[in-house]
Protein backbone atom coordinates (compact mmCIF):
# COMPACT_ATOMS: atom_id res chain seq x y z
CA MET A 1 0.00 0.00 0.00
CA MET A 2 1.29 3.48 -0.83
CA ILE A 3 0.32 6.99 0.26
CA ARG A 4 1.59 10.04 -1.60
CA GLY A 5 1.50 13.77 -1.01
CA ILE A 6 -0.79 15.88 -3.16
CA GLU A 7 1.06 17.20 -6.23
CA ARG A 8 3.94 15.02 -4.98
CA LYS A 9 4.61 17.49 -2.18
CA ASN A 10 6.29 16.35 1.03
CA ILE A 11 4.13 14.71 3.65
CA PHE A 12 7.05 14.68 6.11
CA ARG A 13 9.05 17.82 6.78
CA ASP A 14 11.14 16.53 9.66
CA ASP A 15 11.56 13.64 12.08
CA LYS A 16 8.74 14.93 14.31
CA ASP A 17 6.33 14.35 11.45
CA ARG A 18 7.70 10.89 10.82
CA ASP A 19 7.54 10.00 14.51
CA ASN A 20 3.98 11.32 14.63
CA LEU A 21 2.82 8.94 11.88
CA LEU A 22 4.64 5.97 13.36
CA GLU A 23 3.15 6.65 16.79
CA ARG A 24 -0.31 6.66 15.24
CA ILE A 25 0.36 3.37 13.47
CA GLY A 26 1.60 1.90 16.73
CA GLY A 27 -1.69 2.85 18.38
CA LEU A 28 -3.96 1.65 15.59
CA ILE A 29 -2.44 -1.76 14.81
CA PRO A 30 -3.30 -3.40 18.15
CA LYS A 31 -6.78 -1.83 18.09
CA THR A 32 -7.55 -3.19 14.61
CA ASN A 33 -5.63 -6.49 14.92
CA ALA A 34 -3.75 -5.61 11.75
CA VAL A 35 -0.22 -6.84 11.08
CA CYS A 36 2.60 -4.81 9.52
CA TYR A 37 5.39 -6.74 7.80
CA ALA A 38 7.24 -3.91 6.04
CA TRP A 39 7.23 -0.13 5.73
CA ALA A 40 9.34 2.80 4.56
CA LEU A 41 8.87 6.55 4.91
CA LEU A 42 10.15 8.84 2.17
CA PRO A 43 9.74 12.63 1.97
CA ASN A 44 6.66 12.72 -0.27
CA HIS A 45 5.29 9.19 0.06
CA ALA A 46 5.32 6.04 2.18
CA HIS A 47 4.98 2.30 1.60
CA PHE A 48 3.39 -0.29 3.91
CA LEU A 49 2.75 -4.02 3.76
CA PHE A 50 -0.23 -4.80 5.97
CA ARG A 51 -2.32 -7.85 6.68
CA THR A 52 -5.73 -6.65 7.76
CA GLY A 53 -7.37 -7.85 10.95
CA SER A 54 -10.77 -7.18 12.50
CA THR A 55 -10.98 -3.76 10.82
CA ASN A 56 -10.79 -3.43 7.05
CA LEU A 57 -7.94 -1.56 5.43
CA SER A 58 -10.04 1.42 4.35
CA GLU A 59 -11.10 2.11 7.94
CA LEU A 60 -7.56 1.67 9.26
CA MET A 61 -6.20 4.09 6.66
CA ARG A 62 -9.01 6.59 7.16
CA ARG A 63 -8.25 6.82 10.87
CA LEU A 64 -4.49 6.95 10.30
CA LEU A 65 -4.41 9.52 7.49
CA THR A 66 -7.15 11.80 8.77
CA GLY A 67 -5.55 12.11 12.18
CA TYR A 68 -2.09 12.65 10.71
CA ALA A 69 -3.27 15.25 8.17
CA VAL A 70 -5.05 17.29 10.85
CA SER A 71 -1.95 17.17 13.06
CA PHE A 72 0.39 18.02 10.16
CA ASN A 73 -1.71 21.00 9.05
CA ARG A 74 -1.98 22.35 12.57
CA ARG A 75 1.74 21.98 13.24
CA HIS A 76 2.83 23.58 9.97
CA LYS A 77 0.03 26.17 9.88
CA ARG A 78 -1.34 25.01 6.55
CA HIS A 79 -4.80 24.21 5.20
CA GLY A 80 -6.25 21.86 2.63
CA GLN A 81 -5.65 18.34 1.41
CA LEU A 82 -2.37 16.67 2.28
CA PHE A 83 -2.58 13.35 0.44
CA GLN A 84 -3.04 12.67 -3.27
CA ASN A 85 -6.51 11.19 -3.65
CA ARG A 86 -7.07 7.83 -2.00
CA TYR A 87 -4.18 5.66 -0.87
CA LYS A 88 -3.10 3.06 -3.44
CA SER A 89 -3.48 -0.54 -2.28
CA ILE A 90 -2.69 -3.92 -3.82
CA ILE A 91 -4.02 -7.34 -2.81
CA CYS A 92 -1.13 -9.78 -2.87
CA GLN A 93 -0.77 -13.53 -2.54
CA GLU A 94 1.24 -13.86 0.63
CA ASP A 95 3.06 -17.15 0.10
CA ILE A 96 4.47 -16.07 -3.27
CA TYR A 97 5.12 -12.36 -2.86
CA LEU A 98 5.73 -11.71 0.84
CA LYS A 99 9.53 -11.78 0.71
CA THR A 100 9.63 -9.95 -2.62
CA LEU A 101 7.46 -7.12 -1.34
CA VAL A 102 9.32 -6.85 1.96
CA ARG A 103 12.57 -6.43 0.02
CA TYR A 104 11.09 -4.01 -2.50
CA ILE A 105 9.61 -1.77 0.22
CA HIS A 106 12.69 -1.84 2.43
CA LEU A 107 15.03 -0.90 -0.40
CA ASN A 108 13.10 2.31 -1.15
CA PRO A 109 15.31 4.59 1.00
CA LEU A 110 18.37 3.22 -0.80
CA ARG A 111 16.85 3.61 -4.28
CA SER A 112 15.76 7.15 -3.40
CA LYS A 113 19.30 7.93 -2.15
CA ILE A 114 18.07 8.85 1.33
CA VAL A 115 20.79 6.50 2.53
CA PRO A 116 23.91 5.84 0.43
CA GLU A 117 24.43 2.11 1.08
CA ILE A 118 23.22 -0.97 2.90
CA LEU A 119 25.25 -0.24 6.06
CA GLN A 120 23.29 3.00 6.56
CA LEU A 121 20.01 1.30 5.66
CA ASN A 122 20.64 -1.27 8.39
CA LYS A 123 20.23 1.45 11.03
CA TYR A 124 17.93 3.91 9.24
CA PRO A 125 15.11 4.48 11.78
CA TYR A 126 12.31 5.26 9.32
CA CYS A 127 12.24 1.93 7.50
CA GLY A 128 11.22 -1.50 8.74
CA HIS A 129 14.54 -2.98 7.55
CA SER A 130 16.36 -1.63 10.61
CA VAL A 131 13.75 -3.31 12.84
CA LEU A 132 14.27 -6.66 11.13
CA MET A 133 18.00 -6.17 11.59
CA GLY A 134 17.48 -5.62 15.33
CA ARG A 135 18.77 -2.03 15.27
CA GLU A 136 15.39 -0.37 16.01
CA LYS A 137 12.43 -1.38 18.16
CA ARG A 138 8.89 -1.12 16.82
CA GLN A 139 6.58 -3.34 18.84
CA TRP A 140 3.85 -3.10 16.20
CA GLN A 141 6.01 -4.52 13.39
CA ASP A 142 5.84 -8.31 12.98
CA THR A 143 9.49 -9.32 12.62
CA GLU A 144 9.10 -12.89 13.79
CA TYR A 145 6.95 -13.99 10.87
CA VAL A 146 9.11 -12.34 8.21
CA LEU A 147 12.37 -13.70 9.68
CA SER A 148 10.83 -17.18 9.92
CA CYS A 149 10.81 -17.17 6.10
CA PHE A 150 14.62 -17.13 6.22
CA GLY A 151 15.41 -19.48 9.09
CA GLN A 152 14.38 -20.80 12.49
CA LYS A 153 17.14 -19.18 14.54
CA SER A 154 17.10 -15.37 14.67
CA GLY A 155 20.81 -14.86 13.98
CA GLU A 156 20.88 -17.11 10.93
CA ALA A 157 17.54 -15.73 9.71
CA ARG A 158 18.87 -12.17 9.85
CA ARG A 159 22.00 -13.10 7.91
CA ARG A 160 19.94 -14.78 5.19
CA TYR A 161 17.48 -11.90 5.14
CA LEU A 162 20.31 -9.38 4.71
CA PHE A 163 21.81 -11.46 1.90
CA TYR A 164 18.39 -11.51 0.21
CA ILE A 165 18.11 -7.72 0.56
CA LYS A 166 21.55 -7.21 -0.98
CA GLU A 167 20.59 -9.41 -3.94
CA GLY A 168 17.77 -6.99 -4.72
CA VAL A 169 19.82 -3.81 -4.78
CA ASP A 170 20.63 -4.06 -8.50
CA GLN A 171 17.05 -4.84 -9.54
CA GLY A 172 16.02 -1.18 -9.50
CA ARG A 173 12.40 -0.08 -9.53
CA ARG A 174 9.79 -2.74 -10.31
CA PRO A 175 6.54 -1.24 -11.65
CA GLU A 176 4.76 -4.58 -11.50
CA LEU A 177 4.99 -4.53 -7.70
CA VAL A 178 3.12 -1.24 -7.43
CA GLY A 179 0.55 -1.81 -10.15
CA GLY A 180 1.40 -2.80 -13.70
CA GLY A 181 -2.07 -2.96 -15.19
CA LEU A 182 -1.21 -6.21 -16.98
CA ILE A 183 -4.79 -7.37 -17.40
CA ARG A 184 -5.79 -4.26 -19.33
CA SER A 185 -2.61 -4.24 -21.37
CA LEU A 186 -3.17 -7.89 -22.37
CA GLY A 187 -6.61 -7.14 -23.74
CA GLY A 188 -8.90 -8.22 -20.93
CA TRP A 189 -10.34 -11.43 -19.53
CA ASP A 190 -10.41 -13.51 -22.72
CA GLU A 191 -6.70 -13.05 -23.27
CA ILE A 192 -5.94 -13.83 -19.62
CA LYS A 193 -7.83 -17.12 -19.84
CA LYS A 194 -5.89 -18.04 -22.97
CA ILE A 195 -2.63 -17.40 -21.15
CA ARG A 196 -3.79 -19.51 -18.23
CA LEU A 197 -4.73 -22.40 -20.53
CA SER A 198 -1.32 -22.18 -22.17
CA GLY A 199 0.29 -23.11 -18.86
CA GLN A 200 1.64 -19.77 -17.67
CA ASP A 201 1.14 -19.85 -13.92
CA ARG A 202 2.16 -16.35 -12.92
CA LEU A 203 0.21 -13.18 -13.56
CA LYS A 204 0.71 -9.82 -11.97
CA GLY A 205 -3.01 -9.16 -12.05
CA ASP A 206 -4.37 -5.73 -12.60
CA GLU A 207 -2.97 -2.77 -10.71
CA ARG A 208 -4.58 -3.92 -7.47
CA ILE A 209 -3.82 -7.66 -7.43
CA LEU A 210 -0.53 -9.54 -7.27
CA GLY A 211 -0.44 -13.34 -7.40
CA ASP A 212 -0.49 -16.48 -9.52
CA SER A 213 -3.22 -17.03 -12.06
CA ASP A 214 -5.56 -18.96 -9.75
CA PHE A 215 -5.32 -16.28 -7.06
CA VAL A 216 -5.81 -13.40 -9.50
CA LEU A 217 -8.78 -15.03 -11.18
CA GLU A 218 -10.40 -15.90 -7.85
CA VAL A 219 -10.10 -12.36 -6.48
CA LEU A 220 -11.25 -10.73 -9.70
CA SER A 221 -14.10 -13.21 -10.05
CA GLN A 222 -15.35 -12.34 -6.57
CA THR A 223 -15.02 -8.64 -7.27
CA ASN A 224 -16.74 -8.97 -10.63
CA GLU A 225 -19.64 -10.85 -9.04
CA LYS A 226 -20.17 -8.07 -6.51
CA LEU A 227 -20.02 -5.40 -9.19
CA ASN A 228 -22.42 -7.29 -11.43
CA ARG A 229 -24.94 -7.59 -8.61
CA LYS A 230 -24.52 -3.93 -7.72
CA TYR A 231 -25.24 -2.71 -11.23
CA GLU A 232 -28.01 -5.25 -11.75
CA LEU A 233 -29.87 -3.92 -8.72
CA LYS A 234 -29.16 -0.35 -9.73
CA GLY A 235 -30.53 -1.00 -13.20
CA LEU A 236 -33.75 -2.32 -11.68
CA GLY A 237 -34.13 0.87 -9.67
CA TYR A 238 -33.08 -0.48 -6.30
CA ASN A 239 -31.64 2.10 -3.94
CA LEU A 240 -31.97 2.98 -0.27
CA GLU A 241 -34.76 5.47 -0.87
CA ASN A 242 -36.86 2.84 -2.68
CA VAL A 243 -36.41 0.35 0.12
CA GLU A 244 -37.17 2.97 2.80
CA HIS A 245 -40.41 3.81 1.02
CA LYS A 246 -41.47 0.15 0.73
CA VAL A 247 -40.69 -0.60 4.39
CA ALA A 248 -42.61 2.48 5.55
CA GLU A 249 -45.56 1.38 3.37
CA ILE A 250 -45.55 -2.16 4.77
CA PHE A 251 -45.55 -0.99 8.40
CA HIS A 252 -47.86 2.00 7.80
CA ILE A 253 -45.38 4.53 9.17
CA THR A 254 -43.68 7.60 7.75
CA ARG A 255 -40.02 7.80 6.79
CA ALA A 256 -39.47 10.21 9.70
CA GLU A 257 -40.94 7.63 12.09
CA LEU A 258 -38.69 4.95 10.58
CA TYR A 259 -35.61 6.93 11.65
CA GLY A 260 -37.10 8.59 14.72
CA LYS A 261 -35.99 7.96 18.28
CA GLY A 262 -37.64 5.31 20.37
CA ARG A 263 -37.88 1.52 20.46
CA GLN A 264 -41.58 0.85 19.82
CA LYS A 265 -42.13 -2.69 18.50
CA LYS A 266 -43.44 -1.65 15.07
CA ARG A 267 -40.59 0.82 14.53
CA ALA A 268 -37.98 -1.71 15.65
CA GLU A 269 -39.37 -4.35 13.28
CA ALA A 270 -39.44 -1.84 10.42
CA ARG A 271 -35.80 -0.93 11.01
CA SER A 272 -34.82 -4.60 11.17
CA LEU A 273 -36.42 -5.22 7.80
CA LEU A 274 -34.79 -2.13 6.31
CA PHE A 275 -31.36 -3.17 7.55
CA TYR A 276 -31.86 -6.74 6.37
CA TRP A 277 -32.81 -5.69 2.86
CA ALA A 278 -30.00 -3.12 2.70
CA VAL A 279 -27.26 -5.44 3.97
CA ARG A 280 -28.42 -8.49 2.04
CA GLU A 281 -28.87 -6.48 -1.16
CA SER A 282 -32.61 -7.05 -1.24
CA TYR A 283 -32.25 -10.86 -0.94
CA HIS A 284 -29.77 -10.87 -3.85
CA LEU A 285 -32.66 -10.38 -6.26
CA ARG A 286 -32.18 -11.24 -9.92
CA GLN A 287 -33.42 -9.31 -12.91
CA SER A 288 -36.75 -11.15 -13.01
CA ARG A 289 -37.80 -9.64 -9.68
CA ARG A 290 -39.30 -6.21 -9.08
CA LEU A 291 -39.50 -4.07 -5.98
CA GLU A 292 -43.29 -4.45 -5.93
CA THR A 293 -42.93 -8.15 -5.15
CA LEU A 294 -41.15 -7.53 -1.85
CA ARG A 295 -43.07 -8.69 1.17
CA ALA A 296 -42.37 -8.42 4.84
CA PRO A 297 -41.52 -11.64 6.68
CA GLN A 298 -44.29 -13.20 8.72
CA ARG A 299 -44.51 -11.79 12.21
CA GLY A 300 -45.56 -14.15 14.90
C-alpha cells in the first residue's frame, strides 16, 4: 500500500512528522488487529505491507491519514488536502510475494538515495529494515513472521534476510509490484484465460492484485460478481430510498418515524427489515424480480 503527497509534495518535513505517523500506526495496529510486515517513509510518500485484521484496510487508513493530516496541518500552519486522492493498495498472494514485497519496500530509501548504502540502511530508523535487523524497536512490526521465512534461529535468519536484501539492490524499480495494469494491457479477460490455458502460472493481475493465475482469477471473479450484482440492482431501480419507502408502506409509518428515536415494536421491526434488505442487497434479487414483489416476513 502506498500513500503520496498531493502534487507530490512532502508529507514529512522533519523527524517529528515521521515520529507522529509511526506513533499513530503503533496505536492503531493493536486496536484493529492488523499486522505490519514492512514499511518505509520517504519525503513525499510512504509504503506499507499490511495484513488486515478485524478492521478493514479502508477504515484503518481513514483513521491513520485523517488524524495525521489534521496534526500536520496544525503543526505547519497550513490548510487543505495533504494526500493525493485515495491511498493506493494492492491485494497480494502472501506465500508467493511476501519476501519480494518486503525487500522491495525496504530498499526504497536506498533507491531514493536517502541512505547511500546498505550499512546505513541497516540502522535507518524510518524503515522496517532496521527493525528486522534488530537495530530499532517497533513493537507493532511483525518481525518474527518475516524472519521465519529465512530461518528458524534469529541470527541465521537475519543473515539470510540481509543477503536476500543485498541481492535486490541491483534490480532497480519494479513497476509490476506497485501496479502494472497487466490485465488491461493484455486485452482483458479472454486473453488472460488463454494465457492460463497455455500453462503460464504467474500473472501480476491488474494494478490492485498480485499473485499467480488462480489467485488473481479468484479475487477478480469475486469482485466482478459483486459489481455485477450492484449494477443489476441499480438497473432495476433499487436504492436505499426505494427500500425505505417500501418498508414504511408495509408498516404503515412515515419515513421520519422509521428513523425517529424510540424503540416501539413496530418501529424496531421496520428498522430490522430495512437493515436486512439493505445489507443483504434485497435478498440478492435477480433481474426477473421487481420491488413491488417484496413482502415483509411473517410476524408471529
